[in-house]
Each structure stands twice: as structure tokens, then as C-alpha cells.
Amino acid sequence: MFISKRKHEPAHYMLNIESFSILSEAKTSKIESDVFEASGHKWRLDLYPNGNDDENGAGHISLYVVICDTESCSKGWEVCVDVCFFVYDHIHQNYVTFQDVNGRRTRFHETNMTWGFDKLIPLESFVESKNGYLLNDSCVFGVEVFAVSEFTKMDRCLLMTKPPITMNTHTWTINYFSGVKENILYSEVFKVGKVKWKLILYPKGNKSAEGIHLSIYLGVHEAASFPDGWKIYAKFKLRLKKQGIGSDIEKEIENWFCNSADDWGFGSFLLLSELNDSENGFLLNDNLTVEVEISVMGTLKYFV
């Protein structure tokens, strides 16, 4: 439960209760508010002044919002909302707000027509005068229920991962490189994390680099089959292996892969003159070895 404070009153509904002690002493199990409208639907508050025993809420204030107009809903109906409960603090003259700690939205449907907190406030704390919830034995509860549009139902969370070192690198060797006639070459498909990838190489350069540089890219495999709006983040190194003495050539880059950019890398990775110079050791026995190492990945997932 996430608890905060604010000055302005609830936008949708308030329930003012007088003589709260009588309710408590009478062991009234549940109070149902009148029906109110919010975000195109009808709702009510259910208050348990001594706690909802059926949900282990004894000794607490239990508070719920209930959707009421479901008879007119079509089969398979669903309403997605953001819910915020309120209790007025008479001492500080503000409202204490209560929301889901993870910020999760609530889905109301045929088998879930009630949502709230079994243990909103301990009853002992609620009746303690210094906390300000009760003034002259009166208290105020409230609620806001904001429906989530179809677009924002698609909000997503970003899951960042570091693939294990033993599983984050792919090596691709192109044999008889000097005899390659194609303008573009693709590696075999490989998997890092839950994503399938491929390396893309232009032996004679791509676009403005044609005839000047070797071009190397990392691409998402079969990106056209992904749902609209997909995104994958990767931080990776592209590496050209030296097969003799000396260090490999590597370059690091990061990118959000998406519909409009399903591959990313370097158009000017290495001068073709340097590549073909036998003293540099990139083409030992006419074999070229390219490697990719993906150090960080991020995927967007629906969280509603």
C-alpha cells in the first residue's frame, strides 16, 4: 500500500460518517454507500468499520469500491481503472491517500467486481485522536476511480537484463571471403536472452561507405512478425577478429531496435584497404571472423 497526503478533496465521491463510535460498538459488519458515477460507470463504497473478518481484516478499517452497473455490460466485459482511497485528517486539514504499492491498475470483470484494502488502517490508530481521523466522532472517507483508456492500457514496463557471459557472444566465420559475390551477407540466427538475432555484413560497404569501408550490423531476426510498437534495447560490441598477432578491432554501441530500426551498427567499421592488408591478419587463409557480444538487453512488456 502506498500512502501519501494531499490538500484537495476526492474528485468522485465522499462519505461523511457521524457518530462513528456507535457503528463500531454496534458491531455493524458493513456499510454500503449510495451509488455514485465515475468514469462512465456506477460504483459504491463498502466500509467495514470493525474490519472484514472474511478477509482477515479484523481490528482494521476495511474499505472497498464495488462496480454496480454490470447488468448492462456485454459478455466478457472488463473495466480497467486507477483507484485511490481517501481518509480526511482533521488536524492537518488534508486527505491521506491510499493506493496500490506497485501502482498496478485494477481490472473489474465478472469474477472481480470488488477491490480495496482489507487492512486500510488499524482500528486502534484510526480512533486515536492525535491522528486526526476522527473529530467529534465524525470521519470522512472518499474515493477516485479513473478509467484507463484503451491506449494507456498498453502501458509497459522495461525489463533490463545482463545476459550471462557464457551466453552473450556469437562468432561468425565467413570462409573464402575473397570469393564472395553477394552485396550483403547474413549470419546464422542465434539467440541471446529471449531474442533471436543475426549479424549483417556488407563485404564492400553499405550506402555511402560502399567501396571504402566494411559495414557490420546487428539485426533482430524476423522483426516483421513482431506486434506493432515493439522495442528491444541492446548494448553490444561488434568485433572483427585478428587471426594473427595483434588485438581485435571492436566497437561498442547501443540502440533501441524497433519497426523503423530493426538493425544497427557501423557503416564504416573498417577501411577495406586495412581489411585486405595481409599484415593486419584479418583474412588469414581467406577466412573472416566477426563477433558480437551483447552486454545489456532491455525488453518492454505489458504490465496491466
C-alpha atoms as a PDB file:
ATOM      1  CA  MET A   1       0.000   0.000   0.000  1.00  0.00           C
ATOM      2  CA  PHE A   2       1.305   3.436  -0.984  1.00  0.00           C
ATOM      3  CA  ILE A   3       0.247   6.225   1.418  1.00  0.00           C
ATOM      4  CA  SER A   4       0.565   9.942   0.726  1.00  0.00           C
ATOM      5  CA  LYS A   5      -1.216  13.227   1.500  1.00  0.00           C
ATOM      6  CA  ARG A   6      -2.869  15.977  -0.500  1.00  0.00           C
ATOM      7  CA  LYS A   7      -4.985  19.077   0.124  1.00  0.00           C
ATOM      8  CA  HIS A   8      -7.782  18.831  -2.424  1.00  0.00           C
ATOM      9  CA  GLU A   9     -10.765  16.572  -1.919  1.00  0.00           C
ATOM     10  CA  PRO A  10     -11.603  13.401  -3.890  1.00  0.00           C
ATOM     11  CA  ALA A  11     -12.955  14.081  -7.358  1.00  0.00           C
ATOM     12  CA  HIS A  12     -15.632  11.391  -7.393  1.00  0.00           C
ATOM     13  CA  TYR A  13     -17.145  10.548  -4.009  1.00  0.00           C
ATOM     14  CA  MET A  14     -17.008  11.318  -0.275  1.00  0.00           C
ATOM     15  CA  LEU A  15     -18.812   9.570   2.583  1.00  0.00           C
ATOM     16  CA  ASN A  16     -19.168  11.605   5.792  1.00  0.00           C
ATOM     17  CA  ILE A  17     -19.921   9.435   8.830  1.00  0.00           C
ATOM     18  CA  GLU A  18     -21.216  10.918  12.078  1.00  0.00           C
ATOM     19  CA  SER A  19     -21.207   9.039  15.400  1.00  0.00           C
ATOM     20  CA  PHE A  20     -18.628   6.515  14.214  1.00  0.00           C
ATOM     21  CA  SER A  21     -18.335   5.042  17.725  1.00  0.00           C
ATOM     22  CA  ILE A  22     -21.958   3.881  17.586  1.00  0.00           C
ATOM     23  CA  LEU A  23     -21.221   1.943  14.405  1.00  0.00           C
ATOM     24  CA  SER A  24     -18.200   0.379  15.999  1.00  0.00           C
ATOM     25  CA  GLU A  25     -19.926  -0.517  19.256  1.00  0.00           C
ATOM     26  CA  ALA A  26     -22.941  -1.945  17.428  1.00  0.00           C
ATOM     27  CA  LYS A  27     -20.569  -4.285  15.618  1.00  0.00           C
ATOM     28  CA  THR A  28     -22.007  -3.184  12.291  1.00  0.00           C
ATOM     29  CA  SER A  29     -20.335  -5.507   9.811  1.00  0.00           C
ATOM     30  CA  LYS A  30     -20.605  -3.467   6.609  1.00  0.00           C
ATOM     31  CA  ILE A  31     -21.817  -0.067   5.427  1.00  0.00           C
ATOM     32  CA  GLU A  32     -22.759   0.343   1.781  1.00  0.00           C
ATOM     33  CA  SER A  33     -22.681   3.883   0.409  1.00  0.00           C
ATOM     34  CA  ASP A  34     -25.160   5.201  -2.102  1.00  0.00           C
ATOM     35  CA  VAL A  35     -24.285   4.641  -5.744  1.00  0.00           C
ATOM     36  CA  PHE A  36     -22.176   7.278  -7.497  1.00  0.00           C
ATOM     37  CA  GLU A  37     -20.981   7.707 -11.073  1.00  0.00           C
ATOM     38  CA  ALA A  38     -17.363   7.981 -12.153  1.00  0.00           C
ATOM     39  CA  SER A  39     -15.633   7.439 -15.483  1.00  0.00           C
ATOM     40  CA  GLY A  40     -18.799   6.265 -17.212  1.00  0.00           C
ATOM     41  CA  HIS A  41     -19.741   3.593 -14.655  1.00  0.00           C
ATOM     42  CA  LYS A  42     -21.658   3.303 -11.395  1.00  0.00           C
ATOM     43  CA  TRP A  43     -19.890   2.437  -8.144  1.00  0.00           C
ATOM     44  CA  ARG A  44     -20.329   2.288  -4.392  1.00  0.00           C
ATOM     45  CA  LEU A  45     -18.076   2.185  -1.339  1.00  0.00           C
ATOM     46  CA  ASP A  46     -18.208  -0.763   1.060  1.00  0.00           C
ATOM     47  CA  LEU A  47     -16.879   0.127   4.513  1.00  0.00           C
ATOM     48  CA  TYR A  48     -16.237  -2.365   7.312  1.00  0.00           C
ATOM     49  CA  PRO A  49     -15.833  -0.220  10.479  1.00  0.00           C
ATOM     50  CA  ASN A  50     -14.531  -3.170  12.501  1.00  0.00           C
ATOM     51  CA  GLY A  51     -12.738  -4.911   9.674  1.00  0.00           C
ATOM     52  CA  ASN A  52     -13.712  -7.565   7.155  1.00  0.00           C
ATOM     53  CA  ASP A  53     -13.437 -10.821   9.103  1.00  0.00           C
ATOM     54  CA  ASP A  54     -13.833 -12.938   5.971  1.00  0.00           C
ATOM     55  CA  GLU A  55     -10.580 -11.453   4.600  1.00  0.00           C
ATOM     56  CA  ASN A  56      -8.636 -11.440   7.889  1.00  0.00           C
ATOM     57  CA  GLY A  57      -9.211  -7.718   8.291  1.00  0.00           C
ATOM     58  CA  ALA A  58     -10.375  -7.841  11.908  1.00  0.00           C
ATOM     59  CA  GLY A  59      -9.145  -4.925  14.007  1.00  0.00           C
ATOM     60  CA  HIS A  60      -8.780  -2.662  10.975  1.00  0.00           C
ATOM     61  CA  ILE A  61     -10.802  -0.345   8.796  1.00  0.00           C
ATOM     62  CA  SER A  62     -11.572  -2.285   5.597  1.00  0.00           C
ATOM     63  CA  LEU A  63     -12.565  -0.253   2.538  1.00  0.00           C
ATOM     64  CA  TYR A  64     -13.564  -1.345  -0.969  1.00  0.00           C
ATOM     65  CA  VAL A  65     -15.008   0.046  -4.191  1.00  0.00           C
ATOM     66  CA  VAL A  66     -17.636  -2.036  -5.994  1.00  0.00           C
ATOM     67  CA  ILE A  67     -18.795  -1.740  -9.608  1.00  0.00           C
ATOM     68  CA  CYS A  68     -22.608  -1.696  -9.744  1.00  0.00           C
ATOM     69  CA  ASP A  69     -23.952  -1.415 -13.297  1.00  0.00           C
ATOM     70  CA  THR A  70     -22.780  -4.709 -14.733  1.00  0.00           C
ATOM     71  CA  GLU A  71     -26.204  -5.989 -15.839  1.00  0.00           C
ATOM     72  CA  SER A  72     -25.999  -3.891 -18.982  1.00  0.00           C
ATOM     73  CA  CYS A  73     -22.438  -4.952 -19.802  1.00  0.00           C
ATOM     74  CA  SER A  74     -21.811  -7.359 -22.647  1.00  0.00           C
ATOM     75  CA  LYS A  75     -20.435 -10.843 -22.061  1.00  0.00           C
ATOM     76  CA  GLY A  76     -16.738 -10.810 -21.279  1.00  0.00           C
ATOM     77  CA  TRP A  77     -16.843  -7.168 -20.133  1.00  0.00           C
ATOM     78  CA  GLU A  78     -13.847  -5.623 -18.445  1.00  0.00           C
ATOM     79  CA  VAL A  79     -13.209  -2.206 -16.895  1.00  0.00           C
ATOM     80  CA  CYS A  80      -9.655  -1.117 -16.151  1.00  0.00           C
ATOM     81  CA  VAL A  81      -9.251   1.686 -13.590  1.00  0.00           C
ATOM     82  CA  ASP A  82      -6.880   3.542 -11.296  1.00  0.00           C
ATOM     83  CA  VAL A  83      -8.335   3.586  -7.754  1.00  0.00           C
ATOM     84  CA  CYS A  84      -7.354   5.895  -4.905  1.00  0.00           C
ATOM     85  CA  PHE A  85      -8.966   5.869  -1.449  1.00  0.00           C
ATOM     86  CA  PHE A  86      -9.055   8.862   0.920  1.00  0.00           C
ATOM     87  CA  VAL A  87      -9.438   9.465   4.653  1.00  0.00           C
ATOM     88  CA  TYR A  88      -9.637  13.040   5.924  1.00  0.00           C
ATOM     89  CA  ASP A  89      -7.108  14.221   8.525  1.00  0.00           C
ATOM     90  CA  HIS A  90      -8.940  16.870  10.587  1.00  0.00           C
ATOM     91  CA  ILE A  91      -5.795  18.043  12.394  1.00  0.00           C
ATOM     92  CA  HIS A  92      -3.667  18.811   9.352  1.00  0.00           C
ATOM     93  CA  GLN A  93      -6.686  19.527   7.145  1.00  0.00           C
ATOM     94  CA  ASN A  94      -5.597  17.288   4.305  1.00  0.00           C
ATOM     95  CA  TYR A  95      -6.515  13.936   2.841  1.00  0.00           C
ATOM     96  CA  VAL A  96      -4.474  10.806   3.434  1.00  0.00           C
ATOM     97  CA  THR A  97      -4.489   8.770   0.211  1.00  0.00           C
ATOM     98  CA  PHE A  98      -4.129   5.006  -0.177  1.00  0.00           C
ATOM     99  CA  GLN A  99      -3.147   3.289  -3.426  1.00  0.00           C
ATOM    100  CA  ASP A 100      -1.683   0.004  -4.585  1.00  0.00           C
ATOM    101  CA  VAL A 101       2.002  -0.012  -3.663  1.00  0.00           C
ATOM    102  CA  ASN A 102       3.074  -1.201  -7.137  1.00  0.00           C
ATOM    103  CA  GLY A 103       0.878   1.288  -8.984  1.00  0.00           C
ATOM    104  CA  ARG A 104      -0.996  -1.588 -10.611  1.00  0.00           C
ATOM    105  CA  ARG A 105      -4.290  -0.815 -12.264  1.00  0.00           C
ATOM    106  CA  THR A 106      -7.372  -2.711 -11.233  1.00  0.00           C
ATOM    107  CA  ARG A 107      -9.343  -4.821 -13.682  1.00  0.00           C
ATOM    108  CA  PHE A 108     -13.015  -5.236 -12.846  1.00  0.00           C
ATOM    109  CA  HIS A 109     -14.792  -8.096 -14.619  1.00  0.00           C
ATOM    110  CA  GLU A 110     -17.442 -10.749 -13.993  1.00  0.00           C
ATOM    111  CA  THR A 111     -15.400 -12.554 -11.356  1.00  0.00           C
ATOM    112  CA  ASN A 112     -13.794  -9.462  -9.806  1.00  0.00           C
ATOM    113  CA  MET A 113     -16.372  -6.784  -9.001  1.00  0.00           C
ATOM    114  CA  THR A 114     -14.836  -5.551  -5.725  1.00  0.00           C
ATOM    115  CA  TRP A 115     -11.408  -4.144  -4.968  1.00  0.00           C
ATOM    116  CA  GLY A 116      -9.849  -2.453  -1.965  1.00  0.00           C
ATOM    117  CA  PHE A 117      -7.870  -2.890   1.231  1.00  0.00           C
ATOM    118  CA  ASP A 118      -8.678  -5.462   3.926  1.00  0.00           C
ATOM    119  CA  LYS A 119      -6.395  -3.610   6.344  1.00  0.00           C
ATOM    120  CA  LEU A 120      -6.572   0.052   5.362  1.00  0.00           C
ATOM    121  CA  ILE A 121      -5.866   1.472   8.851  1.00  0.00           C
ATOM    122  CA  PRO A 122      -5.557  -0.338  12.192  1.00  0.00           C
ATOM    123  CA  LEU A 123      -8.697   0.460  14.188  1.00  0.00           C
ATOM    124  CA  GLU A 124      -6.622   1.447  17.218  1.00  0.00           C
ATOM    125  CA  SER A 125      -4.766   4.004  15.112  1.00  0.00           C
ATOM    126  CA  PHE A 126      -7.973   5.236  13.460  1.00  0.00           C
ATOM    127  CA  VAL A 127      -9.674   6.140  16.761  1.00  0.00           C
ATOM    128  CA  GLU A 128      -6.521   7.700  18.280  1.00  0.00           C
ATOM    129  CA  SER A 129      -7.310  11.423  18.481  1.00  0.00           C
ATOM    130  CA  LYS A 130      -3.766  12.581  17.693  1.00  0.00           C
ATOM    131  CA  ASN A 131      -4.005  11.005  14.236  1.00  0.00           C
ATOM    132  CA  GLY A 132      -6.889  13.278  13.243  1.00  0.00           C
ATOM    133  CA  TYR A 133      -9.111  10.733  11.508  1.00  0.00           C
ATOM    134  CA  LEU A 134     -11.949  11.297  13.997  1.00  0.00           C
ATOM    135  CA  LEU A 135     -13.180  14.727  15.077  1.00  0.00           C
ATOM    136  CA  ASN A 136     -16.218  14.912  17.344  1.00  0.00           C
ATOM    137  CA  ASP A 137     -16.772  11.250  16.469  1.00  0.00           C
ATOM    138  CA  SER A 138     -17.082  12.081  12.755  1.00  0.00           C
ATOM    139  CA  CYS A 139     -14.908  10.932   9.862  1.00  0.00           C
ATOM    140  CA  VAL A 140     -14.742  11.250   6.088  1.00  0.00           C
ATOM    141  CA  PHE A 141     -13.878   8.575   3.526  1.00  0.00           C
ATOM    142  CA  GLY A 142     -13.539   9.118  -0.206  1.00  0.00           C
ATOM    143  CA  VAL A 143     -12.527   7.520  -3.480  1.00  0.00           C
ATOM    144  CA  GLU A 144     -11.447   8.372  -7.012  1.00  0.00           C
ATOM    145  CA  VAL A 145     -11.988   5.891  -9.837  1.00  0.00           C
ATOM    146  CA  PHE A 146     -10.385   6.845 -13.117  1.00  0.00           C
ATOM    147  CA  ALA A 147     -10.997   4.597 -16.114  1.00  0.00           C
ATOM    148  CA  VAL A 148      -7.936   3.831 -18.215  1.00  0.00           C
ATOM    149  CA  SER A 149      -8.310   4.389 -21.953  1.00  0.00           C
ATOM    150  CA  GLU A 150      -7.601   1.641 -24.466  1.00  0.00           C
ATOM    151  CA  PHE A 151      -4.300   3.289 -25.368  1.00  0.00           C
ATOM    152  CA  THR A 152      -2.945   3.579 -21.839  1.00  0.00           C
ATOM    153  CA  LYS A 153      -3.952   0.010 -21.106  1.00  0.00           C
ATOM    154  CA  MET A 154      -0.984  -0.788 -23.302  1.00  0.00           C
ATOM    155  CA  ASP A 155       1.485   0.913 -20.956  1.00  0.00           C
ATOM    156  CA  ARG A 156       4.527  -1.237 -20.478  1.00  0.00           C
ATOM    157  CA  CYS A 157       7.373  -1.884 -18.106  1.00  0.00           C
ATOM    158  CA  LEU A 158      11.015  -2.149 -19.103  1.00  0.00           C
ATOM    159  CA  LEU A 159      12.881  -5.285 -18.057  1.00  0.00           C
ATOM    160  CA  MET A 160      16.661  -4.815 -18.149  1.00  0.00           C
ATOM    161  CA  THR A 161      18.956  -7.838 -18.048  1.00  0.00           C
ATOM    162  CA  LYS A 162      22.622  -8.708 -18.373  1.00  0.00           C
ATOM    163  CA  PRO A 163      22.913 -11.947 -20.350  1.00  0.00           C
ATOM    164  CA  PRO A 164      25.355 -14.474 -18.797  1.00  0.00           C
ATOM    165  CA  ILE A 165      28.878 -14.094 -20.168  1.00  0.00           C
ATOM    166  CA  THR A 166      28.792 -17.682 -21.388  1.00  0.00           C
ATOM    167  CA  MET A 167      25.688 -16.977 -23.478  1.00  0.00           C
ATOM    168  CA  ASN A 168      26.040 -13.387 -24.710  1.00  0.00           C
ATOM    169  CA  THR A 169      28.543 -13.820 -27.560  1.00  0.00           C
ATOM    170  CA  HIS A 170      28.157 -15.159 -31.087  1.00  0.00           C
ATOM    171  CA  THR A 171      31.016 -15.804 -33.507  1.00  0.00           C
ATOM    172  CA  TRP A 172      30.549 -15.966 -37.266  1.00  0.00           C
ATOM    173  CA  THR A 173      33.259 -17.107 -39.701  1.00  0.00           C
ATOM    174  CA  ILE A 174      32.959 -16.394 -43.416  1.00  0.00           C
ATOM    175  CA  ASN A 175      35.097 -18.772 -45.466  1.00  0.00           C
ATOM    176  CA  TYR A 176      36.691 -17.838 -48.819  1.00  0.00           C
ATOM    177  CA  PHE A 177      35.888 -14.199 -48.220  1.00  0.00           C
ATOM    178  CA  SER A 178      37.669 -13.017 -51.360  1.00  0.00           C
ATOM    179  CA  GLY A 179      35.268 -15.030 -53.478  1.00  0.00           C
ATOM    180  CA  VAL A 180      32.089 -13.550 -52.018  1.00  0.00           C
ATOM    181  CA  LYS A 181      29.889 -12.065 -54.760  1.00  0.00           C
ATOM    182  CA  GLU A 182      26.874 -11.003 -52.695  1.00  0.00           C
ATOM    183  CA  ASN A 183      26.454  -7.378 -51.644  1.00  0.00           C
ATOM    184  CA  ILE A 184      25.070  -8.418 -48.273  1.00  0.00           C
ATOM    185  CA  LEU A 185      25.645 -11.455 -46.064  1.00  0.00           C
ATOM    186  CA  TYR A 186      23.616 -12.762 -43.116  1.00  0.00           C
ATOM    187  CA  SER A 187      24.894 -14.966 -40.321  1.00  0.00           C
ATOM    188  CA  GLU A 188      23.003 -17.924 -38.954  1.00  0.00           C
ATOM    189  CA  VAL A 189      20.293 -16.966 -36.470  1.00  0.00           C
ATOM    190  CA  PHE A 190      21.354 -17.067 -32.822  1.00  0.00           C
ATOM    191  CA  LYS A 191      19.597 -16.382 -29.539  1.00  0.00           C
ATOM    192  CA  VAL A 192      20.641 -14.132 -26.661  1.00  0.00           C
ATOM    193  CA  GLY A 193      18.121 -13.810 -23.855  1.00  0.00           C
ATOM    194  CA  LYS A 194      14.702 -14.377 -25.392  1.00  0.00           C
ATOM    195  CA  VAL A 195      15.506 -12.582 -28.647  1.00  0.00           C
ATOM    196  CA  LYS A 196      16.701 -14.085 -31.912  1.00  0.00           C
ATOM    197  CA  TRP A 197      19.417 -12.102 -33.672  1.00  0.00           C
ATOM    198  CA  LYS A 198      21.532 -12.142 -36.805  1.00  0.00           C
ATOM    199  CA  LEU A 199      24.707 -10.423 -37.919  1.00  0.00           C
ATOM    200  CA  ILE A 200      24.628  -8.488 -41.191  1.00  0.00           C
ATOM    201  CA  LEU A 201      27.751  -7.722 -43.208  1.00  0.00           C
ATOM    202  CA  TYR A 202      28.338  -5.713 -46.376  1.00  0.00           C
ATOM    203  CA  PRO A 203      31.655  -7.002 -47.815  1.00  0.00           C
ATOM    204  CA  LYS A 204      32.120  -3.904 -49.967  1.00  0.00           C
ATOM    205  CA  GLY A 205      30.370  -1.397 -47.724  1.00  0.00           C
ATOM    206  CA  ASN A 206      26.836  -0.076 -47.397  1.00  0.00           C
ATOM    207  CA  LYS A 207      25.455   3.124 -48.957  1.00  0.00           C
ATOM    208  CA  SER A 208      27.945   5.992 -48.526  1.00  0.00           C
ATOM    209  CA  ALA A 209      30.601   3.538 -47.319  1.00  0.00           C
ATOM    210  CA  GLU A 210      30.403   1.440 -50.487  1.00  0.00           C
ATOM    211  CA  GLY A 211      33.828   0.723 -51.916  1.00  0.00           C
ATOM    212  CA  ILE A 212      35.537   2.327 -48.918  1.00  0.00           C
ATOM    213  CA  HIS A 213      34.625   0.566 -45.684  1.00  0.00           C
ATOM    214  CA  LEU A 214      33.454  -2.794 -44.398  1.00  0.00           C
ATOM    215  CA  SER A 215      29.934  -2.403 -42.884  1.00  0.00           C
ATOM    216  CA  ILE A 216      28.714  -4.578 -39.988  1.00  0.00           C
ATOM    217  CA  TYR A 217      25.348  -4.545 -38.182  1.00  0.00           C
ATOM    218  CA  LEU A 218      23.371  -6.475 -35.584  1.00  0.00           C
ATOM    219  CA  GLY A 219      19.768  -7.198 -36.571  1.00  0.00           C
ATOM    220  CA  VAL A 220      16.631  -8.590 -34.935  1.00  0.00           C
ATOM    221  CA  HIS A 221      15.509 -11.770 -36.704  1.00  0.00           C
ATOM    222  CA  GLU A 222      12.033 -11.779 -38.304  1.00  0.00           C
ATOM    223  CA  ALA A 223      11.209  -8.351 -36.907  1.00  0.00           C
ATOM    224  CA  ALA A 224       8.294  -8.035 -39.346  1.00  0.00           C
ATOM    225  CA  SER A 225       6.391 -10.684 -37.365  1.00  0.00           C
ATOM    226  CA  PHE A 226       6.554  -8.699 -34.107  1.00  0.00           C
ATOM    227  CA  PRO A 227       3.485  -6.804 -32.804  1.00  0.00           C
ATOM    228  CA  ASP A 228       3.184  -3.100 -33.524  1.00  0.00           C
ATOM    229  CA  GLY A 229       5.140  -0.877 -31.171  1.00  0.00           C
ATOM    230  CA  TRP A 230       7.721  -3.498 -30.200  1.00  0.00           C
ATOM    231  CA  LYS A 231      11.030  -2.272 -28.803  1.00  0.00           C
ATOM    232  CA  ILE A 232      14.219  -4.035 -27.734  1.00  0.00           C
ATOM    233  CA  TYR A 233      17.226  -2.316 -26.219  1.00  0.00           C
ATOM    234  CA  ALA A 234      20.742  -3.675 -26.610  1.00  0.00           C
ATOM    235  CA  LYS A 235      24.208  -2.513 -25.686  1.00  0.00           C
ATOM    236  CA  PHE A 236      26.684  -4.521 -27.700  1.00  0.00           C
ATOM    237  CA  LYS A 237      30.149  -4.777 -29.193  1.00  0.00           C
ATOM    238  CA  LEU A 238      30.854  -5.677 -32.799  1.00  0.00           C
ATOM    239  CA  ARG A 239      34.250  -7.257 -33.179  1.00  0.00           C
ATOM    240  CA  LEU A 240      36.489  -8.164 -36.118  1.00  0.00           C
ATOM    241  CA  LYS A 241      38.835 -10.943 -35.036  1.00  0.00           C
ATOM    242  CA  LYS A 242      42.522 -10.832 -35.859  1.00  0.00           C
ATOM    243  CA  GLN A 243      43.847 -14.273 -36.639  1.00  0.00           C
ATOM    244  CA  GLY A 244      47.474 -13.419 -36.163  1.00  0.00           C
ATOM    245  CA  ILE A 245      49.405 -11.134 -33.870  1.00  0.00           C
ATOM    246  CA  GLY A 246      47.686  -8.057 -32.513  1.00  0.00           C
ATOM    247  CA  SER A 247      44.412  -7.018 -30.946  1.00  0.00           C
ATOM    248  CA  ASP A 248      40.961  -7.486 -32.409  1.00  0.00           C
ATOM    249  CA  ILE A 249      39.105  -4.444 -33.698  1.00  0.00           C
ATOM    250  CA  GLU A 250      35.917  -3.813 -31.729  1.00  0.00           C
ATOM    251  CA  LYS A 251      33.386  -1.020 -31.439  1.00  0.00           C
ATOM    252  CA  GLU A 252      30.658  -0.627 -28.841  1.00  0.00           C
ATOM    253  CA  ILE A 253      27.244   0.882 -29.457  1.00  0.00           C
ATOM    254  CA  GLU A 254      23.718   0.878 -28.001  1.00  0.00           C
ATOM    255  CA  ASN A 255      20.349   1.088 -29.690  1.00  0.00           C
ATOM    256  CA  TRP A 256      16.606   0.742 -29.300  1.00  0.00           C
ATOM    257  CA  PHE A 257      15.601  -1.733 -32.008  1.00  0.00           C
ATOM    258  CA  CYS A 258      12.093  -1.148 -33.348  1.00  0.00           C
ATOM    259  CA  ASN A 259       9.982  -1.279 -36.523  1.00  0.00           C
ATOM    260  CA  SER A 260      11.900   1.564 -38.120  1.00  0.00           C
ATOM    261  CA  ALA A 261      15.341   0.418 -36.956  1.00  0.00           C
ATOM    262  CA  ASP A 262      15.496  -3.366 -36.736  1.00  0.00           C
ATOM    263  CA  ASP A 263      19.251  -3.439 -37.323  1.00  0.00           C
ATOM    264  CA  TRP A 264      22.043  -1.213 -36.057  1.00  0.00           C
ATOM    265  CA  GLY A 265      25.788  -0.997 -36.250  1.00  0.00           C
ATOM    266  CA  PHE A 266      28.607   0.649 -38.195  1.00  0.00           C
ATOM    267  CA  GLY A 267      28.585   1.568 -41.870  1.00  0.00           C
ATOM    268  CA  SER A 268      32.259   2.491 -41.627  1.00  0.00           C
ATOM    269  CA  PHE A 269      33.584  -0.281 -39.425  1.00  0.00           C
ATOM    270  CA  LEU A 270      36.987  -0.714 -41.108  1.00  0.00           C
ATOM    271  CA  LEU A 271      38.654   0.579 -44.254  1.00  0.00           C
ATOM    272  CA  LEU A 272      38.637  -2.071 -46.951  1.00  0.00           C
ATOM    273  CA  SER A 273      42.303  -1.289 -47.588  1.00  0.00           C
ATOM    274  CA  GLU A 274      43.116  -2.221 -43.988  1.00  0.00           C
ATOM    275  CA  LEU A 275      40.930  -5.304 -44.163  1.00  0.00           C
ATOM    276  CA  ASN A 276      42.717  -6.601 -47.257  1.00  0.00           C
ATOM    277  CA  ASP A 277      46.209  -5.813 -45.996  1.00  0.00           C
ATOM    278  CA  SER A 278      47.651  -9.240 -45.153  1.00  0.00           C
ATOM    279  CA  GLU A 279      49.892  -7.765 -42.478  1.00  0.00           C
ATOM    280  CA  ASN A 280      46.825  -6.880 -40.380  1.00  0.00           C
ATOM    281  CA  GLY A 281      45.783 -10.536 -40.061  1.00  0.00           C
ATOM    282  CA  PHE A 282      42.060 -10.189 -40.613  1.00  0.00           C
ATOM    283  CA  LEU A 283      41.922 -12.602 -43.567  1.00  0.00           C
ATOM    284  CA  LEU A 284      44.124 -15.499 -42.563  1.00  0.00           C
ATOM    285  CA  ASN A 285      43.569 -18.333 -45.054  1.00  0.00           C
ATOM    286  CA  ASP A 286      40.900 -16.136 -46.671  1.00  0.00           C
ATOM    287  CA  ASN A 287      38.587 -16.501 -43.654  1.00  0.00           C
ATOM    288  CA  LEU A 288      36.928 -13.516 -41.959  1.00  0.00           C
ATOM    289  CA  THR A 289      35.655 -13.850 -38.385  1.00  0.00           C
ATOM    290  CA  VAL A 290      33.053 -11.438 -36.969  1.00  0.00           C
ATOM    291  CA  GLU A 291      31.788 -11.493 -33.410  1.00  0.00           C
ATOM    292  CA  VAL A 292      29.080  -9.772 -31.398  1.00  0.00           C
ATOM    293  CA  GLU A 293      28.896  -9.512 -27.621  1.00  0.00           C
ATOM    294  CA  ILE A 294      25.617  -8.278 -26.104  1.00  0.00           C
ATOM    295  CA  SER A 295      26.276  -6.984 -22.586  1.00  0.00           C
ATOM    296  CA  VAL A 296      22.877  -5.445 -21.720  1.00  0.00           C
ATOM    297  CA  MET A 297      19.377  -6.059 -23.055  1.00  0.00           C
ATOM    298  CA  GLY A 298      16.042  -4.424 -22.361  1.00  0.00           C
ATOM    299  CA  THR A 299      12.563  -5.537 -23.384  1.00  0.00           C
ATOM    300  CA  LEU A 300       9.237  -3.774 -22.975  1.00  0.00           C
ATOM    301  CA  LYS A 301       6.430  -5.864 -21.515  1.00  0.00           C
ATOM    302  CA  TYR A 302       2.774  -5.084 -20.895  1.00  0.00           C
ATOM    303  CA  PHE A 303       2.195  -4.745 -17.170  1.00  0.00           C
ATOM    304  CA  VAL A 304      -1.540  -4.316 -16.958  1.00  0.00           C
END
